[in-house]
Amino acid sequence: MGKNECTCALNELSEFYSKEMATRDVYGITLVEMGKKNPDIVVLDADLSCSTKTAKFAKTFPDRFFNMGISEQDMIGVAAGLALTGKIPFASTFAIFATGRAWEQIRQTVCYSNANVKIVATHGGITVGEDGATHQALEDVALMRVIPGMTVIVPADAYETAQVIVSATEYYGPVYIRLGRAKVSPVMPEDYRFEIGKAHIFKLGKDVNIIANGLMVAEALKASEILNKEGIDAGVANFSSVKPIDVEALLKIAKSSKLIVTTEEHSIIGGLGSAVAEFVCENHPVPIKRIGIKDTFGCSGSWKELLKFYGLTSENIIHTVREFFKK
C-alpha cells in the first residue's frame, strides 16, 4: 500500500474520531476497509473471530480468511508461511493465547525470519473482567518486547487504533498490536497521525510528566487536569509505540521532569514502565514511579471495579504524585 492510499484510508477512517468504542471493534471495521484496498491482506483466527471481530473480514472475504481452530501455534506458523509468499497476514486471538501459547512460534518462525506478520491480539489486560485471571494477559507486552525485531503497539482509543492498523499494513516486518474488550474514551486530537516509534506529547510538564498508553491515557489526562489546578505542573504523553520507543521524546520529558510517572494496564515488570525506566536511568536519570499491575495475577470482576482494585485510576495517579511532592 502506497503513501497516497494510506492517507486516503486515514481520511475515510476519520469517522472514529471522538468516538467511545472498544479498540477490537475498530480493528474489525478497519481490517475490512484495508482488505478492500489491498488484495494481499489475509486474516487468520483461532476460533474466536466473533470476539476478535475478524468475523467481519471473514464475511466480506471468505476466500482470504482462515479459521485455524483452537490451534494458536499452527495459526502463527501458517501466518509466517503466507507472509513469506508475499501475503500480509493478520493473525488474531486473545492476547493471553497469542503471546503465551504461541511464543516460540512467534520467536522462531516470525521474528527470526523477519516475516511480515501482524499479530493483533484482543482482550489484553485486566479489563477482560469476569473472564478472570486465566484470560487476563498482563504479561503480553513484556513477552513481545523482548523478541528481537518485534514492533509493539498499544493504541489509546478508536481513532488511534484505526491509524495503527493502517500503519501496520504499510510497515514491513513483525508487529504486535494489543487491543481491548472494553469501550475506551476518545483522547487523541483530530489532527493526530500515528507513526511507529513516535510518542504524542499532549503537554510537557515542568514538575511531573505522566507517560501512558492504552486506556490509561484517558486516566492520565484526568489526573493532569486536577494536578495542574493544584499548582503541580503536570504533562501527559501517549507512548502507544512501546517498541521502538520514542527516545527523543523520552529525553525531552526526562530533562523537563522532577518526576516521571508511568501507567499501563499491564504488569509493571517488562512493559511500558520498564521500557521508560531502562532508557531514562541510562541517559538522564530522574525519579520514576510505575503504576500498573504489581507482581500478581488478576481476578474476576467488572472491568471498572478491577481498574479501581488494582489502582489503575486517575485518583491513584494523583495520589502518587501528591505523595512524591510532599516529601
C-alpha atoms as a PDB file:
ATOM      1  CA  MET A   1       0.000   0.000   0.000  1.00  0.00           C
ATOM      2  CA  GLY A   2       1.418   3.347  -1.051  1.00  0.00           C
ATOM      3  CA  LYS A   3       1.519   6.596   0.929  1.00  0.00           C
ATOM      4  CA  ASN A   4      -1.395   8.112  -1.035  1.00  0.00           C
ATOM      5  CA  GLU A   5      -3.562   5.052  -0.389  1.00  0.00           C
ATOM      6  CA  CYS A   6      -2.614   5.190   3.292  1.00  0.00           C
ATOM      7  CA  THR A   7      -3.582   8.866   3.548  1.00  0.00           C
ATOM      8  CA  CYS A   8      -6.861   8.142   1.776  1.00  0.00           C
ATOM      9  CA  ALA A   9      -7.585   5.296   4.188  1.00  0.00           C
ATOM     10  CA  LEU A  10      -6.894   7.559   7.174  1.00  0.00           C
ATOM     11  CA  ASN A  11      -9.277  10.196   5.825  1.00  0.00           C
ATOM     12  CA  GLU A  12     -12.008   7.610   5.353  1.00  0.00           C
ATOM     13  CA  LEU A  13     -11.494   6.290   8.889  1.00  0.00           C
ATOM     14  CA  SER A  14     -11.773   9.731  10.488  1.00  0.00           C
ATOM     15  CA  GLU A  15     -15.289   8.588  11.481  1.00  0.00           C
ATOM     16  CA  PHE A  16     -13.629   7.100  14.572  1.00  0.00           C
ATOM     17  CA  TYR A  17     -12.504  10.498  15.841  1.00  0.00           C
ATOM     18  CA  SER A  18     -14.017  11.356  19.236  1.00  0.00           C
ATOM     19  CA  LYS A  19     -15.958   8.093  19.481  1.00  0.00           C
ATOM     20  CA  GLU A  20     -16.111   5.889  22.563  1.00  0.00           C
ATOM     21  CA  MET A  21     -15.536   2.382  21.242  1.00  0.00           C
ATOM     22  CA  ALA A  22     -13.724  -0.827  22.061  1.00  0.00           C
ATOM     23  CA  THR A  23     -10.483  -0.955  20.111  1.00  0.00           C
ATOM     24  CA  ARG A  24     -11.293  -4.522  18.980  1.00  0.00           C
ATOM     25  CA  ASP A  25     -14.435  -3.199  17.246  1.00  0.00           C
ATOM     26  CA  VAL A  26     -12.400  -0.605  15.351  1.00  0.00           C
ATOM     27  CA  TYR A  27      -9.986  -3.351  14.289  1.00  0.00           C
ATOM     28  CA  GLY A  28     -12.768  -5.397  12.701  1.00  0.00           C
ATOM     29  CA  ILE A  29     -14.101  -2.447  10.713  1.00  0.00           C
ATOM     30  CA  THR A  30     -10.687  -1.134   9.652  1.00  0.00           C
ATOM     31  CA  LEU A  31      -9.491  -4.567   8.583  1.00  0.00           C
ATOM     32  CA  VAL A  32     -12.349  -4.845   6.094  1.00  0.00           C
ATOM     33  CA  GLU A  33     -11.536  -1.409   4.651  1.00  0.00           C
ATOM     34  CA  MET A  34      -7.870  -2.350   4.276  1.00  0.00           C
ATOM     35  CA  GLY A  35      -8.881  -5.638   2.679  1.00  0.00           C
ATOM     36  CA  LYS A  36     -10.827  -3.767   0.004  1.00  0.00           C
ATOM     37  CA  LYS A  37      -7.737  -1.738  -0.877  1.00  0.00           C
ATOM     38  CA  ASN A  38      -5.129  -4.482  -0.698  1.00  0.00           C
ATOM     39  CA  PRO A  39      -5.876  -7.996  -2.015  1.00  0.00           C
ATOM     40  CA  ASP A  40      -2.701  -9.328  -0.350  1.00  0.00           C
ATOM     41  CA  ILE A  41      -4.222  -8.953   3.114  1.00  0.00           C
ATOM     42  CA  VAL A  42      -5.308 -12.285   4.596  1.00  0.00           C
ATOM     43  CA  VAL A  43      -6.669 -12.989   8.060  1.00  0.00           C
ATOM     44  CA  LEU A  44      -6.242 -15.921  10.407  1.00  0.00           C
ATOM     45  CA  ASP A  45      -8.092 -16.577  13.645  1.00  0.00           C
ATOM     46  CA  ALA A  46      -8.089 -19.268  16.324  1.00  0.00           C
ATOM     47  CA  ASP A  47     -11.808 -19.935  16.656  1.00  0.00           C
ATOM     48  CA  LEU A  48     -12.545 -16.579  18.301  1.00  0.00           C
ATOM     49  CA  SER A  49     -13.473 -14.474  15.277  1.00  0.00           C
ATOM     50  CA  CYS A  50     -16.698 -13.155  16.813  1.00  0.00           C
ATOM     51  CA  SER A  51     -14.764 -11.892  19.844  1.00  0.00           C
ATOM     52  CA  THR A  52     -11.751 -10.566  17.936  1.00  0.00           C
ATOM     53  CA  LYS A  53     -14.097  -9.035  15.327  1.00  0.00           C
ATOM     54  CA  THR A  54     -12.305 -10.683  12.398  1.00  0.00           C
ATOM     55  CA  ALA A  55     -15.663 -12.285  11.554  1.00  0.00           C
ATOM     56  CA  LYS A  56     -16.406  -9.089   9.622  1.00  0.00           C
ATOM     57  CA  PHE A  57     -13.459  -9.800   7.326  1.00  0.00           C
ATOM     58  CA  ALA A  58     -14.486 -13.466   7.003  1.00  0.00           C
ATOM     59  CA  LYS A  59     -17.932 -12.457   5.837  1.00  0.00           C
ATOM     60  CA  THR A  60     -16.595  -9.958   3.291  1.00  0.00           C
ATOM     61  CA  PHE A  61     -13.612 -12.005   2.038  1.00  0.00           C
ATOM     62  CA  PRO A  62     -14.300 -15.691   2.788  1.00  0.00           C
ATOM     63  CA  ASP A  63     -11.512 -16.856   0.454  1.00  0.00           C
ATOM     64  CA  ARG A  64      -8.943 -14.787   2.364  1.00  0.00           C
ATOM     65  CA  PHE A  65      -9.942 -15.868   5.856  1.00  0.00           C
ATOM     66  CA  PHE A  66      -8.627 -18.940   7.666  1.00  0.00           C
ATOM     67  CA  ASN A  67     -10.158 -20.199  10.895  1.00  0.00           C
ATOM     68  CA  MET A  68      -7.382 -22.352  12.330  1.00  0.00           C
ATOM     69  CA  GLY A  69      -9.428 -23.627  15.245  1.00  0.00           C
ATOM     70  CA  ILE A  70      -8.047 -23.767  18.779  1.00  0.00           C
ATOM     71  CA  SER A  71      -4.538 -24.068  17.386  1.00  0.00           C
ATOM     72  CA  GLU A  72      -2.658 -20.845  18.041  1.00  0.00           C
ATOM     73  CA  GLN A  73       0.792 -22.263  17.340  1.00  0.00           C
ATOM     74  CA  ASP A  74      -0.391 -23.577  13.989  1.00  0.00           C
ATOM     75  CA  MET A  75      -2.010 -20.236  13.222  1.00  0.00           C
ATOM     76  CA  ILE A  76       1.270 -18.370  13.716  1.00  0.00           C
ATOM     77  CA  GLY A  77       3.223 -20.899  11.652  1.00  0.00           C
ATOM     78  CA  VAL A  78       0.749 -20.666   8.762  1.00  0.00           C
ATOM     79  CA  ALA A  79       0.751 -16.849   9.017  1.00  0.00           C
ATOM     80  CA  ALA A  80       4.546 -16.857   8.674  1.00  0.00           C
ATOM     81  CA  GLY A  81       4.320 -19.131   5.636  1.00  0.00           C
ATOM     82  CA  LEU A  82       1.741 -16.876   3.994  1.00  0.00           C
ATOM     83  CA  ALA A  83       3.939 -13.851   4.696  1.00  0.00           C
ATOM     84  CA  LEU A  84       6.902 -15.493   3.010  1.00  0.00           C
ATOM     85  CA  THR A  85       4.784 -15.932  -0.140  1.00  0.00           C
ATOM     86  CA  GLY A  86       4.067 -12.187  -0.266  1.00  0.00           C
ATOM     87  CA  LYS A  87       0.796 -12.007   1.622  1.00  0.00           C
ATOM     88  CA  ILE A  88       0.145  -9.653   4.550  1.00  0.00           C
ATOM     89  CA  PRO A  89      -1.339 -11.890   7.244  1.00  0.00           C
ATOM     90  CA  PHE A  90      -3.204 -10.556  10.264  1.00  0.00           C
ATOM     91  CA  ALA A  91      -3.367 -13.257  12.938  1.00  0.00           C
ATOM     92  CA  SER A  92      -5.765 -12.731  15.833  1.00  0.00           C
ATOM     93  CA  THR A  93      -6.847 -14.340  19.074  1.00  0.00           C
ATOM     94  CA  PHE A  94      -6.944 -13.361  22.743  1.00  0.00           C
ATOM     95  CA  ALA A  95      -3.696 -11.767  23.935  1.00  0.00           C
ATOM     96  CA  ILE A  96      -3.063 -14.459  26.543  1.00  0.00           C
ATOM     97  CA  PHE A  97      -3.098 -17.188  23.888  1.00  0.00           C
ATOM     98  CA  ALA A  98      -1.362 -15.255  21.122  1.00  0.00           C
ATOM     99  CA  THR A  99       1.671 -14.373  23.228  1.00  0.00           C
ATOM    100  CA  GLY A 100       1.745 -17.212  25.745  1.00  0.00           C
ATOM    101  CA  ARG A 101       0.796 -20.330  23.842  1.00  0.00           C
ATOM    102  CA  ALA A 102       2.497 -19.359  20.588  1.00  0.00           C
ATOM    103  CA  TRP A 103       5.567 -17.530  21.898  1.00  0.00           C
ATOM    104  CA  GLU A 104       8.110 -19.966  20.462  1.00  0.00           C
ATOM    105  CA  GLN A 105       6.489 -19.848  17.018  1.00  0.00           C
ATOM    106  CA  ILE A 106       6.483 -16.059  17.107  1.00  0.00           C
ATOM    107  CA  ARG A 107      10.160 -16.007  18.040  1.00  0.00           C
ATOM    108  CA  GLN A 108      11.418 -18.724  15.709  1.00  0.00           C
ATOM    109  CA  THR A 109       9.114 -18.564  12.709  1.00  0.00           C
ATOM    110  CA  VAL A 110       8.015 -14.931  12.578  1.00  0.00           C
ATOM    111  CA  CYS A 111      10.721 -12.737  14.107  1.00  0.00           C
ATOM    112  CA  TYR A 112      13.815 -14.821  13.333  1.00  0.00           C
ATOM    113  CA  SER A 113      12.674 -14.886   9.695  1.00  0.00           C
ATOM    114  CA  ASN A 114      11.534 -11.241   9.789  1.00  0.00           C
ATOM    115  CA  ALA A 115       8.222 -12.446   8.383  1.00  0.00           C
ATOM    116  CA  ASN A 116       5.691  -9.722   7.617  1.00  0.00           C
ATOM    117  CA  VAL A 117       3.117 -10.960  10.134  1.00  0.00           C
ATOM    118  CA  LYS A 118       0.746  -8.699  12.072  1.00  0.00           C
ATOM    119  CA  ILE A 119      -0.368 -10.248  15.361  1.00  0.00           C
ATOM    120  CA  VAL A 120      -3.401  -8.328  16.530  1.00  0.00           C
ATOM    121  CA  ALA A 121      -4.385  -9.635  19.946  1.00  0.00           C
ATOM    122  CA  THR A 122      -7.633  -8.628  21.624  1.00  0.00           C
ATOM    123  CA  HIS A 123      -8.760  -8.903  25.249  1.00  0.00           C
ATOM    124  CA  GLY A 124      -5.464  -7.582  26.583  1.00  0.00           C
ATOM    125  CA  GLY A 125      -5.129  -6.508  30.202  1.00  0.00           C
ATOM    126  CA  ILE A 126      -7.310  -6.625  33.288  1.00  0.00           C
ATOM    127  CA  THR A 127     -10.411  -5.288  31.514  1.00  0.00           C
ATOM    128  CA  VAL A 128     -11.295  -8.769  30.276  1.00  0.00           C
ATOM    129  CA  GLY A 129     -13.087  -8.594  33.616  1.00  0.00           C
ATOM    130  CA  GLU A 130     -15.278 -11.528  34.515  1.00  0.00           C
ATOM    131  CA  ASP A 131     -13.241 -13.955  32.393  1.00  0.00           C
ATOM    132  CA  GLY A 132     -10.741 -13.910  35.246  1.00  0.00           C
ATOM    133  CA  ALA A 133      -7.025 -14.443  35.753  1.00  0.00           C
ATOM    134  CA  THR A 134      -6.601 -17.207  33.161  1.00  0.00           C
ATOM    135  CA  HIS A 135      -7.731 -14.874  30.369  1.00  0.00           C
ATOM    136  CA  GLN A 136      -6.244 -11.574  31.580  1.00  0.00           C
ATOM    137  CA  ALA A 137      -2.990 -11.018  29.710  1.00  0.00           C
ATOM    138  CA  LEU A 138      -0.844  -8.892  31.999  1.00  0.00           C
ATOM    139  CA  GLU A 139       2.498 -10.022  30.591  1.00  0.00           C
ATOM    140  CA  ASP A 140       1.975  -9.900  26.820  1.00  0.00           C
ATOM    141  CA  VAL A 141       3.780  -6.619  26.113  1.00  0.00           C
ATOM    142  CA  ALA A 142       6.828  -7.871  28.016  1.00  0.00           C
ATOM    143  CA  LEU A 143       6.796 -11.176  26.135  1.00  0.00           C
ATOM    144  CA  MET A 144       6.653  -9.431  22.756  1.00  0.00           C
ATOM    145  CA  ARG A 145       9.024  -6.578  23.606  1.00  0.00           C
ATOM    146  CA  VAL A 146      11.869  -8.940  24.451  1.00  0.00           C
ATOM    147  CA  ILE A 147      11.903 -10.584  20.994  1.00  0.00           C
ATOM    148  CA  PRO A 148      14.382  -9.023  18.530  1.00  0.00           C
ATOM    149  CA  GLY A 149      12.726  -7.324  15.580  1.00  0.00           C
ATOM    150  CA  MET A 150       9.215  -7.189  17.054  1.00  0.00           C
ATOM    151  CA  THR A 151       7.297  -3.905  16.963  1.00  0.00           C
ATOM    152  CA  VAL A 152       4.879  -3.477  19.889  1.00  0.00           C
ATOM    153  CA  ILE A 153       1.926  -1.065  19.846  1.00  0.00           C
ATOM    154  CA  VAL A 154      -0.830  -0.347  22.390  1.00  0.00           C
ATOM    155  CA  PRO A 155      -3.274   2.228  20.963  1.00  0.00           C
ATOM    156  CA  ALA A 156      -5.172   4.580  23.254  1.00  0.00           C
ATOM    157  CA  ASP A 157      -8.539   4.993  21.563  1.00  0.00           C
ATOM    158  CA  ALA A 158     -10.638   4.213  18.497  1.00  0.00           C
ATOM    159  CA  TYR A 159      -9.141   6.953  16.329  1.00  0.00           C
ATOM    160  CA  GLU A 160      -5.588   5.861  17.041  1.00  0.00           C
ATOM    161  CA  THR A 161      -6.451   2.177  16.566  1.00  0.00           C
ATOM    162  CA  ALA A 162      -7.718   2.787  13.038  1.00  0.00           C
ATOM    163  CA  GLN A 163      -4.465   4.552  12.203  1.00  0.00           C
ATOM    164  CA  VAL A 164      -2.365   1.814  13.810  1.00  0.00           C
ATOM    165  CA  ILE A 165      -3.974  -0.873  11.634  1.00  0.00           C
ATOM    166  CA  VAL A 166      -3.343   1.207   8.508  1.00  0.00           C
ATOM    167  CA  SER A 167       0.278   1.830   9.522  1.00  0.00           C
ATOM    168  CA  ALA A 168       0.860  -1.847  10.299  1.00  0.00           C
ATOM    169  CA  THR A 169      -0.360  -2.740   6.812  1.00  0.00           C
ATOM    170  CA  GLU A 170       2.152  -0.379   5.241  1.00  0.00           C
ATOM    171  CA  TYR A 171       5.061  -1.340   7.526  1.00  0.00           C
ATOM    172  CA  TYR A 172       7.169  -4.384   6.595  1.00  0.00           C
ATOM    173  CA  GLY A 173       8.051  -6.650   9.498  1.00  0.00           C
ATOM    174  CA  PRO A 174       6.567  -8.346  12.573  1.00  0.00           C
ATOM    175  CA  VAL A 175       4.090  -6.253  14.549  1.00  0.00           C
ATOM    176  CA  TYR A 176       2.224  -6.963  17.784  1.00  0.00           C
ATOM    177  CA  ILE A 177      -0.852  -4.819  18.403  1.00  0.00           C
ATOM    178  CA  ARG A 178      -2.642  -5.088  21.731  1.00  0.00           C
ATOM    179  CA  LEU A 179      -6.368  -4.297  21.754  1.00  0.00           C
ATOM    180  CA  GLY A 180      -9.033  -4.394  24.443  1.00  0.00           C
ATOM    181  CA  ARG A 181     -12.528  -5.599  25.127  1.00  0.00           C
ATOM    182  CA  ALA A 182     -13.889  -2.575  26.984  1.00  0.00           C
ATOM    183  CA  LYS A 183     -15.033   0.664  25.414  1.00  0.00           C
ATOM    184  CA  VAL A 184     -12.407   3.389  25.795  1.00  0.00           C
ATOM    185  CA  SER A 185     -12.795   7.148  25.948  1.00  0.00           C
ATOM    186  CA  PRO A 186     -11.658   9.234  22.963  1.00  0.00           C
ATOM    187  CA  VAL A 187      -8.452  11.117  23.730  1.00  0.00           C
ATOM    188  CA  MET A 188      -6.419  11.768  20.581  1.00  0.00           C
ATOM    189  CA  PRO A 189      -6.787  15.134  18.797  1.00  0.00           C
ATOM    190  CA  GLU A 190      -8.330  15.343  15.330  1.00  0.00           C
ATOM    191  CA  ASP A 191      -5.039  16.315  13.653  1.00  0.00           C
ATOM    192  CA  TYR A 192      -3.170  13.390  15.260  1.00  0.00           C
ATOM    193  CA  ARG A 193      -1.326  10.985  12.963  1.00  0.00           C
ATOM    194  CA  PHE A 194       0.139   7.794  14.368  1.00  0.00           C
ATOM    195  CA  GLU A 195       3.701   6.898  13.460  1.00  0.00           C
ATOM    196  CA  ILE A 196       5.580   3.810  14.600  1.00  0.00           C
ATOM    197  CA  GLY A 197       8.302   4.795  17.057  1.00  0.00           C
ATOM    198  CA  LYS A 198       6.781   8.195  17.863  1.00  0.00           C
ATOM    199  CA  ALA A 199       5.032   9.366  21.017  1.00  0.00           C
ATOM    200  CA  HIS A 200       2.398  12.085  21.275  1.00  0.00           C
ATOM    201  CA  ILE A 201       3.037  14.692  23.959  1.00  0.00           C
ATOM    202  CA  PHE A 202      -0.229  16.391  24.926  1.00  0.00           C
ATOM    203  CA  LYS A 203       1.617  18.788  27.225  1.00  0.00           C
ATOM    204  CA  LEU A 204       5.151  18.902  28.633  1.00  0.00           C
ATOM    205  CA  GLY A 205       5.074  19.438  32.401  1.00  0.00           C
ATOM    206  CA  LYS A 206       7.780  21.145  34.457  1.00  0.00           C
ATOM    207  CA  ASP A 207       7.060  19.180  37.641  1.00  0.00           C
ATOM    208  CA  VAL A 208       5.728  15.792  36.595  1.00  0.00           C
ATOM    209  CA  ASN A 209       5.099  14.045  33.290  1.00  0.00           C
ATOM    210  CA  ILE A 210       2.722  11.100  33.090  1.00  0.00           C
ATOM    211  CA  ILE A 211       3.593   8.553  30.406  1.00  0.00           C
ATOM    212  CA  ALA A 212       0.762   6.197  29.487  1.00  0.00           C
ATOM    213  CA  ASN A 213      -0.706   4.050  26.754  1.00  0.00           C
ATOM    214  CA  GLY A 214      -3.940   2.183  26.083  1.00  0.00           C
ATOM    215  CA  LEU A 215      -6.934   3.150  28.183  1.00  0.00           C
ATOM    216  CA  MET A 216      -4.625   4.655  30.821  1.00  0.00           C
ATOM    217  CA  VAL A 217      -4.057   7.707  28.611  1.00  0.00           C
ATOM    218  CA  ALA A 218      -7.559   8.901  29.477  1.00  0.00           C
ATOM    219  CA  GLU A 219      -6.844   8.429  33.191  1.00  0.00           C
ATOM    220  CA  ALA A 220      -3.542  10.289  32.858  1.00  0.00           C
ATOM    221  CA  LEU A 221      -5.287  13.252  31.233  1.00  0.00           C
ATOM    222  CA  LYS A 222      -7.890  13.368  34.015  1.00  0.00           C
ATOM    223  CA  ALA A 223      -5.129  13.281  36.638  1.00  0.00           C
ATOM    224  CA  SER A 224      -3.095  16.036  34.967  1.00  0.00           C
ATOM    225  CA  GLU A 225      -6.089  18.361  34.834  1.00  0.00           C
ATOM    226  CA  ILE A 226      -6.587  18.119  38.600  1.00  0.00           C
ATOM    227  CA  LEU A 227      -2.867  18.328  39.398  1.00  0.00           C
ATOM    228  CA  ASN A 228      -2.491  21.466  37.306  1.00  0.00           C
ATOM    229  CA  LYS A 229      -5.356  23.076  39.227  1.00  0.00           C
ATOM    230  CA  GLU A 230      -3.480  22.257  42.450  1.00  0.00           C
ATOM    231  CA  GLY A 231      -0.374  24.052  41.218  1.00  0.00           C
ATOM    232  CA  ILE A 232       1.612  20.994  40.130  1.00  0.00           C
ATOM    233  CA  ASP A 233       2.661  21.453  36.508  1.00  0.00           C
ATOM    234  CA  ALA A 234       1.731  18.073  35.054  1.00  0.00           C
ATOM    235  CA  GLY A 235       2.223  16.900  31.488  1.00  0.00           C
ATOM    236  CA  VAL A 236       0.951  13.812  29.667  1.00  0.00           C
ATOM    237  CA  ALA A 237       2.379  11.745  26.820  1.00  0.00           C
ATOM    238  CA  ASN A 238       0.891   8.798  24.942  1.00  0.00           C
ATOM    239  CA  PHE A 239       3.578   6.189  24.239  1.00  0.00           C
ATOM    240  CA  SER A 240       1.458   3.813  22.185  1.00  0.00           C
ATOM    241  CA  SER A 241       4.613   2.662  20.414  1.00  0.00           C
ATOM    242  CA  VAL A 242       6.290   0.691  23.200  1.00  0.00           C
ATOM    243  CA  LYS A 243       8.890  -0.724  20.828  1.00  0.00           C
ATOM    244  CA  PRO A 244      10.530   1.060  19.170  1.00  0.00           C
ATOM    245  CA  ILE A 245      10.130   3.680  21.864  1.00  0.00           C
ATOM    246  CA  ASP A 246      10.487   7.370  21.098  1.00  0.00           C
ATOM    247  CA  VAL A 247      13.883   8.122  22.669  1.00  0.00           C
ATOM    248  CA  GLU A 248      13.862  11.761  21.561  1.00  0.00           C
ATOM    249  CA  ALA A 249      10.553  12.378  23.319  1.00  0.00           C
ATOM    250  CA  LEU A 250      11.736  10.442  26.387  1.00  0.00           C
ATOM    251  CA  LEU A 251      14.891  12.528  26.677  1.00  0.00           C
ATOM    252  CA  LYS A 252      12.867  15.720  26.303  1.00  0.00           C
ATOM    253  CA  ILE A 253      10.470  14.560  29.025  1.00  0.00           C
ATOM    254  CA  ALA A 254      13.289  13.471  31.364  1.00  0.00           C
ATOM    255  CA  LYS A 255      15.050  16.829  31.058  1.00  0.00           C
ATOM    256  CA  SER A 256      11.813  18.652  31.875  1.00  0.00           C
ATOM    257  CA  SER A 257      10.699  16.498  34.823  1.00  0.00           C
ATOM    258  CA  LYS A 258      11.191  16.379  38.561  1.00  0.00           C
ATOM    259  CA  LEU A 259       9.199  13.136  38.434  1.00  0.00           C
ATOM    260  CA  ILE A 260       8.053  10.738  35.736  1.00  0.00           C
ATOM    261  CA  VAL A 261       5.005   8.546  36.342  1.00  0.00           C
ATOM    262  CA  THR A 262       4.303   5.638  34.010  1.00  0.00           C
ATOM    263  CA  THR A 263       0.892   3.982  33.956  1.00  0.00           C
ATOM    264  CA  GLU A 264      -0.260   0.964  31.994  1.00  0.00           C
ATOM    265  CA  GLU A 265      -2.847  -1.819  32.030  1.00  0.00           C
ATOM    266  CA  HIS A 266      -0.059  -4.384  32.265  1.00  0.00           C
ATOM    267  CA  SER A 267       2.447  -5.712  34.746  1.00  0.00           C
ATOM    268  CA  ILE A 268       4.950  -3.083  35.858  1.00  0.00           C
ATOM    269  CA  ILE A 269       7.583  -5.731  35.048  1.00  0.00           C
ATOM    270  CA  GLY A 270       8.702  -5.655  31.429  1.00  0.00           C
ATOM    271  CA  GLY A 271       6.113  -3.317  29.966  1.00  0.00           C
ATOM    272  CA  LEU A 272       5.944   0.419  29.291  1.00  0.00           C
ATOM    273  CA  GLY A 273       7.253   1.349  32.745  1.00  0.00           C
ATOM    274  CA  SER A 274      10.269  -0.876  32.306  1.00  0.00           C
ATOM    275  CA  ALA A 275      10.972   0.484  28.823  1.00  0.00           C
ATOM    276  CA  VAL A 276      10.860   4.069  30.108  1.00  0.00           C
ATOM    277  CA  ALA A 277      12.990   3.296  33.185  1.00  0.00           C
ATOM    278  CA  GLU A 278      15.625   1.467  31.128  1.00  0.00           C
ATOM    279  CA  PHE A 279      16.184   4.446  28.862  1.00  0.00           C
ATOM    280  CA  VAL A 280      15.884   7.191  31.475  1.00  0.00           C
ATOM    281  CA  CYS A 281      18.250   5.618  34.017  1.00  0.00           C
ATOM    282  CA  GLU A 282      20.947   5.216  31.360  1.00  0.00           C
ATOM    283  CA  ASN A 283      20.565   8.607  29.709  1.00  0.00           C
ATOM    284  CA  HIS A 284      19.113  11.223  32.065  1.00  0.00           C
ATOM    285  CA  PRO A 285      18.169   9.790  35.479  1.00  0.00           C
ATOM    286  CA  VAL A 286      15.140  11.284  37.236  1.00  0.00           C
ATOM    287  CA  PRO A 287      12.776   9.717  39.800  1.00  0.00           C
ATOM    288  CA  ILE A 288      10.232   7.338  38.258  1.00  0.00           C
ATOM    289  CA  LYS A 289       7.059   5.871  39.746  1.00  0.00           C
ATOM    290  CA  ARG A 290       5.447   2.959  37.899  1.00  0.00           C
ATOM    291  CA  ILE A 291       1.695   2.411  38.112  1.00  0.00           C
ATOM    292  CA  GLY A 292       0.377  -0.873  36.781  1.00  0.00           C
ATOM    293  CA  ILE A 293      -0.308  -4.407  37.909  1.00  0.00           C
ATOM    294  CA  LYS A 294       2.121  -5.441  40.627  1.00  0.00           C
ATOM    295  CA  ASP A 295       3.725  -8.891  40.647  1.00  0.00           C
ATOM    296  CA  THR A 296       0.371 -10.679  40.805  1.00  0.00           C
ATOM    297  CA  PHE A 297      -2.337 -12.340  38.745  1.00  0.00           C
ATOM    298  CA  GLY A 298      -5.718 -10.768  38.095  1.00  0.00           C
ATOM    299  CA  CYS A 299      -9.108 -11.817  39.431  1.00  0.00           C
ATOM    300  CA  SER A 300     -12.732 -11.811  38.309  1.00  0.00           C
ATOM    301  CA  GLY A 301     -14.973  -8.764  38.426  1.00  0.00           C
ATOM    302  CA  SER A 302     -16.377  -5.996  36.283  1.00  0.00           C
ATOM    303  CA  TRP A 303     -13.633  -4.208  34.381  1.00  0.00           C
ATOM    304  CA  LYS A 304     -14.298  -0.872  36.087  1.00  0.00           C
ATOM    305  CA  GLU A 305     -14.136  -2.492  39.517  1.00  0.00           C
ATOM    306  CA  LEU A 306     -10.869  -4.205  38.592  1.00  0.00           C
ATOM    307  CA  LEU A 307      -9.245  -0.985  37.397  1.00  0.00           C
ATOM    308  CA  LYS A 308     -10.074   0.572  40.757  1.00  0.00           C
ATOM    309  CA  PHE A 309      -8.981  -2.520  42.710  1.00  0.00           C
ATOM    310  CA  TYR A 310      -5.555  -2.562  41.023  1.00  0.00           C
ATOM    311  CA  GLY A 311      -5.039   1.184  41.234  1.00  0.00           C
ATOM    312  CA  LEU A 312      -5.348   1.902  37.531  1.00  0.00           C
ATOM    313  CA  THR A 313      -7.221   5.169  38.022  1.00  0.00           C
ATOM    314  CA  SER A 314      -6.660   8.895  37.810  1.00  0.00           C
ATOM    315  CA  GLU A 315      -7.114   9.014  41.596  1.00  0.00           C
ATOM    316  CA  ASN A 316      -4.127   6.734  42.147  1.00  0.00           C
ATOM    317  CA  ILE A 317      -2.002   8.729  39.722  1.00  0.00           C
ATOM    318  CA  ILE A 318      -2.885  11.912  41.629  1.00  0.00           C
ATOM    319  CA  HIS A 319      -2.154  10.259  44.983  1.00  0.00           C
ATOM    320  CA  THR A 320       1.239   9.024  43.739  1.00  0.00           C
ATOM    321  CA  VAL A 321       2.236  12.487  42.536  1.00  0.00           C
ATOM    322  CA  ARG A 322       0.997  14.234  45.686  1.00  0.00           C
ATOM    323  CA  GLU A 323       2.923  11.835  47.931  1.00  0.00           C
ATOM    324  CA  PHE A 324       6.120  12.412  45.977  1.00  0.00           C
ATOM    325  CA  PHE A 325       5.962  16.205  46.196  1.00  0.00           C
ATOM    326  CA  LYS A 326       5.016  16.101  49.894  1.00  0.00           C
ATOM    327  CA  LYS A 327       8.444  14.614  50.535  1.00  0.00           C
END
